[in-house]
Amino acid sequence: MNAKDTSFPQYRKLVNDKVFYKILDDRNFEEIQVMGRIKNYYQFEAKIYPEILKIKDLLELSNESYVMSSEEEWETLK
């Protein structure tokens, strides 16, 4: 998947429904971690190569731990 051909935002989550991602572009994403009733929200700007690879993996669903999510799921958590 080429990020230049991708419309943003994109939504992904871990298969266990504990971490949700909103990918804003090829260098920025937001994350919500769910721990019981507690939800932690984080914003990331990928500045180093491993962070850039994480966004690439999320977009390409190259790791079987990541699955598609939706804006509705994201908004429900936020």
Protein backbone atom coordinates (compact mmCIF):
# COMPACT_ATOMS: atom_id res chain seq x y z
CA MET A 1 0.00 0.00 0.00
CA ASN A 2 1.36 3.37 -0.97
CA ALA A 3 0.51 6.07 1.61
CA LYS A 4 0.29 8.66 -1.16
CA ASP A 5 -2.63 6.71 -2.66
CA THR A 6 -4.34 6.26 0.71
CA SER A 7 -7.11 8.49 1.98
CA PHE A 8 -6.75 9.51 5.61
CA PRO A 9 -7.67 9.04 8.36
CA GLN A 10 -7.44 5.24 8.47
CA TYR A 11 -8.56 3.19 11.47
CA ARG A 12 -6.97 0.03 12.85
CA LYS A 13 -7.03 -1.93 16.09
CA LEU A 14 -5.39 -4.88 17.76
CA VAL A 15 -7.34 -8.12 17.45
CA ASN A 16 -7.89 -8.16 21.23
CA ASP A 17 -9.73 -4.77 21.09
CA LYS A 18 -7.30 -3.27 23.63
CA VAL A 19 -5.54 -0.71 21.38
CA PHE A 20 -7.14 1.41 18.67
CA TYR A 21 -5.34 3.56 16.10
CA LYS A 22 -6.37 6.56 14.03
CA ILE A 23 -3.75 7.05 11.33
CA LEU A 24 -3.72 10.69 10.25
CA ASP A 25 -1.02 10.42 7.58
CA ASP A 26 2.20 8.51 6.93
CA ARG A 27 3.93 10.22 9.90
CA ASN A 28 1.20 10.86 12.50
CA PHE A 29 -1.24 8.70 14.39
CA GLU A 30 -3.36 8.70 17.52
CA GLU A 31 -3.79 5.75 19.86
CA ILE A 32 -6.33 4.77 22.49
CA GLN A 33 -5.33 2.04 24.95
CA VAL A 34 -8.17 0.36 26.79
CA MET A 35 -7.41 -1.08 30.24
CA GLY A 36 -10.67 -2.15 31.86
CA ARG A 37 -12.69 1.03 32.29
CA ILE A 38 -9.65 3.26 31.81
CA LYS A 39 -8.85 4.65 28.37
CA ASN A 40 -5.53 6.36 27.67
CA TYR A 41 -5.18 8.62 24.65
CA TYR A 42 -1.84 9.37 22.96
CA GLN A 43 -0.67 11.30 19.91
CA PHE A 44 2.46 10.27 17.99
CA GLU A 45 4.62 11.86 15.34
CA ALA A 46 6.90 9.30 13.71
CA LYS A 47 10.39 10.77 13.72
CA ILE A 48 12.55 7.67 13.80
CA TYR A 49 12.55 4.69 11.46
CA PRO A 50 10.89 2.13 13.79
CA GLU A 51 7.96 4.51 14.31
CA ILE A 52 7.63 5.04 10.55
CA LEU A 53 7.63 1.25 10.09
CA LYS A 54 4.86 0.89 12.67
CA ILE A 55 2.61 3.21 10.65
CA LYS A 56 3.49 1.30 7.48
CA ASP A 57 2.63 -1.99 9.18
CA LEU A 58 -0.67 -0.58 10.42
CA LEU A 59 -1.62 0.67 6.97
CA GLU A 60 -0.66 -2.56 5.23
CA LEU A 61 -2.06 -4.83 7.96
CA SER A 62 1.21 -6.72 7.59
CA ASN A 63 1.04 -8.08 11.14
CA GLU A 64 -1.85 -10.44 11.85
CA SER A 65 -2.33 -8.67 15.19
CA TYR A 66 -3.76 -5.63 13.39
CA VAL A 67 -7.25 -5.53 11.88
CA MET A 68 -9.45 -2.90 10.31
CA SER A 69 -11.48 -0.63 12.56
CA SER A 70 -13.87 2.23 11.87
CA GLU A 71 -14.47 5.87 12.65
CA GLU A 72 -17.58 4.87 14.62
CA GLU A 73 -15.55 2.55 16.85
CA TRP A 74 -12.94 5.28 17.38
CA GLU A 75 -15.53 7.94 18.24
CA THR A 76 -17.29 5.60 20.66
CA LEU A 77 -14.03 5.20 22.59
CA LYS A 78 -13.00 8.82 22.49
